[in-house]
Amino acid sequence: MIAEFIYCTLLRPRPLRRFANWLIRALLPRIVRYDDAVIVLNPRDPVVSGALFFRVYERGELAFFRDTCKPGMTFLDVGANIGFYTALACKRIGPSGKIIALEPDPESHGFLKETIAANNATNVTAMPIAAAATRGRLKLFVSSDNRGDNRLYQPDASTAADWQAVEVETAPVDELLERLGVERVDFIKIDVQGAEGGVIAGLEQTIRRSPSLVLMTEFWPHGLRQAGTNPKAFLEELRNLGLELSELTAGGQLLPLTDFDALIARHPGRRYTNIIGRKKA
């Protein structure tokens, strides 16, 4: 949240943002280490790689992940980017577990593979596919400055110069896991800038047959609407799939969700939060 505030508010004027991006890119090292995991940074991405370098990246999510990810789990990383959570999972899950990492952006996928290799991981399957409700091909709009803001829908026309469209393969995760012989998963992380509705639509079978499932997903009402998903309907679908929902605060606290409308109202525009879903006992 701190990095988001600095980048989207303090550095919103283009001259300031250009200078900040140039400076961060100049400072970025080749790798960073979190715990005993190695993450290979993208030198062209001042936002995600910069936040990792400055140790301000998703602190609440990181704390929850560290507490929840256990040896032997099957972990699904949807929107893996350069592989931050995949790298952490490699070390925490160990050789007895499995990791499936999905990242459609060709550039980010390349760094994801480098991160996997840097951790000598043999239990990771990385796929250059966008999780969606159906199989096909779609345009992925890639941000020039923030590879964590890539989108499967047309961004605002006023910022058209900041995006490049690349065609990517899409597929339901249920189909991909069936192909890999994976029947159920223990931990799912989703961060796809508003396309979460399509991800869940293609994951319903796996969610239903995963009794110990923990889900951590970004919840950005504006992005969901832009991608064609009603934010309240998205939360109701998660609940209908048997998940007990909580909001994960920036400080790492879990607040049980009882009022979906109030949650949505508290997150207009660029504001977002994270939702934790746990299978009911």
Protein backbone atom coordinates (compact mmCIF):
# COMPACT_ATOMS: atom_id res chain seq x y z
CA MET A 1 0.00 0.00 0.00
CA ILE A 2 2.91 2.39 0.73
CA ALA A 3 4.45 1.76 -2.68
CA GLU A 4 1.05 2.20 -4.34
CA PHE A 5 0.51 5.56 -2.57
CA ILE A 6 3.94 6.86 -3.50
CA TYR A 7 3.69 5.77 -7.12
CA CYS A 8 0.04 6.61 -7.84
CA THR A 9 -0.27 9.79 -5.76
CA LEU A 10 3.03 11.48 -4.95
CA LEU A 11 4.62 10.59 -8.29
CA ARG A 12 1.52 10.98 -10.44
CA PRO A 13 2.84 13.98 -12.44
CA ARG A 14 4.58 12.51 -15.49
CA PRO A 15 7.93 14.36 -15.12
CA LEU A 16 8.28 13.15 -11.53
CA ARG A 17 7.30 9.62 -12.47
CA ARG A 18 9.75 9.46 -15.37
CA PHE A 19 12.59 10.61 -13.13
CA ALA A 20 11.63 8.18 -10.34
CA ASN A 21 11.41 5.28 -12.81
CA TRP A 22 14.82 6.14 -14.27
CA LEU A 23 16.40 6.32 -10.83
CA ILE A 24 14.86 3.06 -9.60
CA ARG A 25 15.90 1.21 -12.76
CA ALA A 26 19.45 2.50 -12.27
CA LEU A 27 19.51 1.18 -8.69
CA LEU A 28 18.00 -2.26 -9.28
CA PRO A 29 20.31 -5.22 -8.60
CA ARG A 30 20.11 -8.47 -10.54
CA ILE A 31 18.53 -10.42 -7.67
CA VAL A 32 17.05 -9.96 -4.23
CA ARG A 33 16.70 -12.49 -1.44
CA TYR A 34 13.69 -13.00 0.81
CA ASP A 35 14.18 -15.56 3.55
CA ASP A 36 16.22 -18.21 1.73
CA ALA A 37 14.59 -17.62 -1.66
CA VAL A 38 16.14 -15.84 -4.66
CA ILE A 39 14.05 -13.57 -6.93
CA VAL A 40 15.46 -12.44 -10.28
CA LEU A 41 14.34 -8.86 -10.87
CA ASN A 42 13.13 -7.32 -14.12
CA PRO A 43 15.44 -4.31 -14.72
CA ARG A 44 12.76 -2.63 -16.87
CA ASP A 45 10.06 -2.72 -14.16
CA PRO A 46 10.55 0.01 -11.55
CA VAL A 47 7.31 -0.81 -9.69
CA VAL A 48 7.22 -4.53 -8.83
CA SER A 49 10.99 -5.04 -8.92
CA GLY A 50 11.53 -1.68 -7.25
CA ALA A 51 9.11 -2.50 -4.42
CA LEU A 52 10.85 -5.84 -3.89
CA PHE A 53 14.25 -4.15 -3.81
CA PHE A 54 13.10 -1.51 -1.29
CA ARG A 55 11.33 -4.18 0.83
CA VAL A 56 7.90 -2.52 0.62
CA TYR A 57 6.18 -5.12 -1.58
CA GLU A 58 2.87 -6.51 -0.28
CA ARG A 59 3.86 -6.70 3.37
CA GLY A 60 0.47 -7.90 4.62
CA GLU A 61 0.19 -10.55 1.92
CA LEU A 62 3.77 -11.64 2.56
CA ALA A 63 3.14 -12.09 6.29
CA PHE A 64 0.02 -14.16 5.61
CA PHE A 65 1.83 -16.26 3.01
CA ARG A 66 4.70 -17.00 5.37
CA ASP A 67 2.28 -18.14 8.08
CA THR A 68 0.13 -20.24 5.77
CA CYS A 69 2.41 -21.89 3.21
CA LYS A 70 3.52 -25.27 4.63
CA PRO A 71 5.65 -28.24 3.56
CA GLY A 72 3.99 -30.65 1.16
CA MET A 73 1.31 -28.23 -0.11
CA THR A 74 0.19 -27.87 -3.71
CA PHE A 75 0.39 -24.16 -4.53
CA LEU A 76 -1.19 -22.41 -7.50
CA ASP A 77 0.28 -19.00 -8.38
CA VAL A 78 -2.06 -17.19 -10.82
CA GLY A 79 -0.42 -14.03 -12.13
CA ALA A 80 3.03 -15.12 -11.00
CA ASN A 81 4.89 -12.16 -12.56
CA ILE A 82 8.65 -12.69 -11.96
CA GLY A 83 7.98 -15.43 -9.40
CA PHE A 84 8.11 -13.80 -5.97
CA TYR A 85 5.53 -16.08 -4.34
CA THR A 86 6.66 -19.04 -6.43
CA ALA A 87 10.21 -18.61 -5.10
CA LEU A 88 9.01 -18.39 -1.50
CA ALA A 89 6.85 -21.46 -2.02
CA CYS A 90 9.78 -23.41 -3.47
CA LYS A 91 11.59 -23.18 -0.14
CA ARG A 92 8.58 -23.51 2.16
CA ILE A 93 6.75 -26.34 0.39
CA GLY A 94 9.84 -28.40 -0.27
CA PRO A 95 10.32 -31.27 -2.70
CA SER A 96 7.24 -33.15 -1.45
CA GLY A 97 4.90 -30.38 -2.68
CA LYS A 98 3.94 -29.01 -6.09
CA ILE A 99 3.83 -25.50 -7.55
CA ILE A 100 1.97 -24.42 -10.68
CA ALA A 101 2.80 -20.86 -11.79
CA LEU A 102 0.83 -19.08 -14.53
CA GLU A 103 2.18 -15.90 -16.15
CA PRO A 104 1.14 -14.94 -19.70
CA ASP A 105 3.30 -11.82 -20.20
CA PRO A 106 6.27 -13.12 -22.26
CA GLU A 107 8.79 -10.81 -20.58
CA SER A 108 7.65 -11.56 -17.03
CA HIS A 109 7.43 -15.26 -17.83
CA GLY A 110 11.08 -15.21 -18.85
CA PHE A 111 12.09 -13.78 -15.47
CA LEU A 112 9.78 -16.27 -13.74
CA LYS A 113 11.74 -19.11 -15.35
CA GLU A 114 15.00 -17.49 -14.29
CA THR A 115 13.74 -17.21 -10.71
CA ILE A 116 12.75 -20.89 -10.72
CA ALA A 117 16.19 -21.87 -12.01
CA ALA A 118 17.95 -19.63 -9.45
CA ASN A 119 16.20 -21.58 -6.67
CA ASN A 120 17.10 -24.98 -8.19
CA ALA A 121 13.41 -25.86 -8.03
CA THR A 122 12.40 -29.18 -9.58
CA ASN A 123 8.78 -29.21 -8.47
CA VAL A 124 7.51 -26.13 -10.35
CA THR A 125 5.49 -26.12 -13.57
CA ALA A 126 5.50 -22.67 -15.17
CA MET A 127 3.02 -22.01 -17.98
CA PRO A 128 2.76 -18.90 -20.23
CA ILE A 129 -1.03 -18.96 -20.04
CA ALA A 130 -3.66 -16.51 -18.75
CA ALA A 131 -6.19 -18.19 -16.47
CA ALA A 132 -9.70 -17.55 -17.77
CA ALA A 133 -13.21 -18.99 -18.02
CA THR A 134 -12.64 -20.42 -21.51
CA ARG A 135 -9.88 -21.62 -23.78
CA GLY A 136 -8.79 -19.22 -26.52
CA ARG A 137 -6.61 -16.22 -27.20
CA LEU A 138 -6.95 -12.65 -25.90
CA LYS A 139 -5.00 -9.41 -25.98
CA LEU A 140 -2.94 -8.76 -22.87
CA PHE A 141 -2.30 -5.04 -22.40
CA VAL A 142 1.21 -4.74 -20.96
CA SER A 143 2.18 -1.68 -18.92
CA SER A 144 5.42 0.04 -19.91
CA ASP A 145 6.30 0.89 -16.29
CA ASN A 146 4.45 -1.59 -14.07
CA ARG A 147 4.40 -5.23 -15.12
CA GLY A 148 2.14 -5.93 -12.15
CA ASP A 149 -0.58 -3.82 -13.81
CA ASN A 150 -0.97 -5.84 -17.02
CA ARG A 151 -4.62 -6.32 -17.99
CA LEU A 152 -6.82 -8.57 -20.11
CA TYR A 153 -9.06 -5.64 -21.05
CA GLN A 154 -8.59 -2.33 -22.85
CA PRO A 155 -7.13 0.32 -20.46
CA ASP A 156 -8.36 3.89 -20.45
CA ALA A 157 -7.83 5.52 -23.86
CA SER A 158 -6.13 8.52 -22.23
CA THR A 159 -3.21 6.29 -21.21
CA ALA A 160 -2.97 4.34 -24.49
CA ALA A 161 0.67 5.35 -24.98
CA ASP A 162 1.61 3.52 -21.77
CA TRP A 163 0.46 0.09 -22.98
CA GLN A 164 1.47 -2.50 -25.56
CA ALA A 165 -0.90 -5.27 -26.61
CA VAL A 166 0.34 -8.85 -26.99
CA GLU A 167 -1.80 -11.86 -27.84
CA VAL A 168 -1.75 -14.60 -25.19
CA GLU A 169 -3.27 -18.03 -24.71
CA THR A 170 -6.10 -18.40 -22.21
CA ALA A 171 -7.41 -21.55 -20.53
CA PRO A 172 -9.51 -22.63 -17.54
CA VAL A 173 -7.24 -23.70 -14.70
CA ASP A 174 -9.41 -26.78 -14.11
CA GLU A 175 -8.33 -28.02 -17.56
CA LEU A 176 -4.67 -27.21 -16.97
CA LEU A 177 -4.60 -29.03 -13.63
CA GLU A 178 -6.35 -32.04 -15.13
CA ARG A 179 -3.68 -32.14 -17.82
CA LEU A 180 -1.02 -32.12 -15.08
CA GLY A 181 -2.77 -34.80 -13.02
CA VAL A 182 -3.47 -32.40 -10.12
CA GLU A 183 -6.87 -33.05 -8.54
CA ARG A 184 -6.83 -30.58 -5.69
CA VAL A 185 -4.78 -27.69 -4.35
CA ASP A 186 -4.03 -26.34 -0.88
CA PHE A 187 -3.17 -22.68 -1.55
CA ILE A 188 -4.16 -20.40 -4.43
CA LYS A 189 -2.84 -16.87 -4.94
CA ILE A 190 -4.55 -14.73 -7.60
CA ASP A 191 -3.44 -11.27 -8.73
CA VAL A 192 -4.63 -10.47 -12.26
CA GLN A 193 -5.79 -6.82 -12.12
CA GLY A 194 -9.53 -7.34 -12.33
CA ALA A 195 -9.66 -10.60 -14.31
CA GLU A 196 -10.21 -12.63 -11.12
CA GLY A 197 -13.82 -13.38 -12.08
CA GLY A 198 -12.71 -15.35 -15.14
CA VAL A 199 -10.06 -17.15 -13.12
CA ILE A 200 -12.61 -18.36 -10.56
CA ALA A 201 -15.07 -19.38 -13.28
CA GLY A 202 -12.40 -21.70 -14.67
CA LEU A 203 -11.41 -23.00 -11.22
CA GLU A 204 -14.75 -24.05 -9.75
CA GLN A 205 -14.20 -27.80 -9.98
CA THR A 206 -10.81 -27.62 -8.29
CA ILE A 207 -12.12 -25.36 -5.52
CA ARG A 208 -15.03 -27.71 -4.81
CA ARG A 209 -12.80 -30.77 -4.49
CA SER A 210 -10.04 -29.11 -2.41
CA PRO A 211 -11.08 -29.62 1.25
CA SER A 212 -8.18 -27.74 2.86
CA LEU A 213 -8.04 -24.86 0.39
CA VAL A 214 -6.79 -21.38 1.29
CA LEU A 215 -7.36 -18.65 -1.31
CA MET A 216 -5.60 -15.26 -1.35
CA THR A 217 -6.93 -12.99 -4.09
CA GLU A 218 -6.67 -9.31 -4.87
CA PHE A 219 -10.03 -7.53 -4.78
CA TRP A 220 -10.17 -4.38 -6.90
CA PRO A 221 -13.82 -3.43 -7.57
CA HIS A 222 -13.05 -0.97 -10.39
CA GLY A 223 -10.81 -3.48 -12.17
CA LEU A 224 -13.40 -6.25 -11.81
CA ARG A 225 -16.04 -4.02 -13.41
CA GLN A 226 -13.66 -3.08 -16.24
CA ALA A 227 -13.17 -6.79 -16.92
CA GLY A 228 -16.93 -7.42 -16.94
CA THR A 229 -17.39 -8.83 -13.42
CA ASN A 230 -19.78 -7.51 -10.78
CA PRO A 231 -17.69 -7.15 -7.58
CA LYS A 232 -20.50 -8.24 -5.26
CA ALA A 233 -21.36 -11.21 -7.46
CA PHE A 234 -17.68 -12.19 -7.37
CA LEU A 235 -17.69 -12.29 -3.56
CA GLU A 236 -20.99 -14.17 -3.52
CA GLU A 237 -19.58 -16.76 -5.91
CA LEU A 238 -16.61 -17.36 -3.62
CA ARG A 239 -18.99 -17.85 -0.71
CA ASN A 240 -21.19 -20.19 -2.77
CA LEU A 241 -18.11 -22.30 -3.49
CA GLY A 242 -17.83 -23.00 0.23
CA LEU A 243 -15.26 -20.40 1.22
CA GLU A 244 -15.42 -18.37 4.42
CA LEU A 245 -14.23 -14.88 3.50
CA SER A 246 -12.09 -12.35 5.35
CA GLU A 247 -10.37 -9.13 4.35
CA LEU A 248 -6.59 -9.15 4.70
CA THR A 249 -5.52 -5.71 5.89
CA ALA A 250 -2.25 -4.00 4.97
CA GLY A 251 -1.07 -4.83 8.48
CA GLY A 252 -1.73 -8.54 7.98
CA GLN A 253 -4.92 -8.77 10.07
CA LEU A 254 -7.92 -10.86 9.01
CA LEU A 255 -11.34 -9.21 9.32
CA PRO A 256 -14.37 -11.48 8.70
CA LEU A 257 -16.45 -10.21 5.78
CA THR A 258 -20.07 -9.61 6.69
CA ASP A 259 -21.04 -6.63 4.51
CA PHE A 260 -20.01 -6.92 0.86
CA ASP A 261 -21.53 -3.56 -0.11
CA ALA A 262 -19.55 -1.71 2.56
CA LEU A 263 -16.31 -3.37 1.45
CA ILE A 264 -16.91 -2.34 -2.15
CA ALA A 265 -17.81 1.22 -1.15
CA ARG A 266 -14.53 1.55 0.78
CA HIS A 267 -12.48 0.74 -2.32
CA PRO A 268 -13.36 3.15 -5.16
CA GLY A 269 -11.10 3.96 -8.09
CA ARG A 270 -7.56 2.60 -7.70
CA ARG A 271 -8.15 1.37 -4.16
CA TYR A 272 -7.97 -2.36 -3.65
CA THR A 273 -7.61 -4.91 -0.90
CA ASN A 274 -7.06 -8.65 -0.56
CA ILE A 275 -9.57 -11.35 0.25
CA ILE A 276 -8.77 -14.57 2.07
CA GLY A 277 -11.06 -17.52 1.54
CA ARG A 278 -10.88 -20.72 3.59
CA LYS A 279 -12.83 -23.88 3.03
CA LYS A 280 -15.44 -24.41 5.73
CA ALA A 281 -14.65 -27.30 8.08
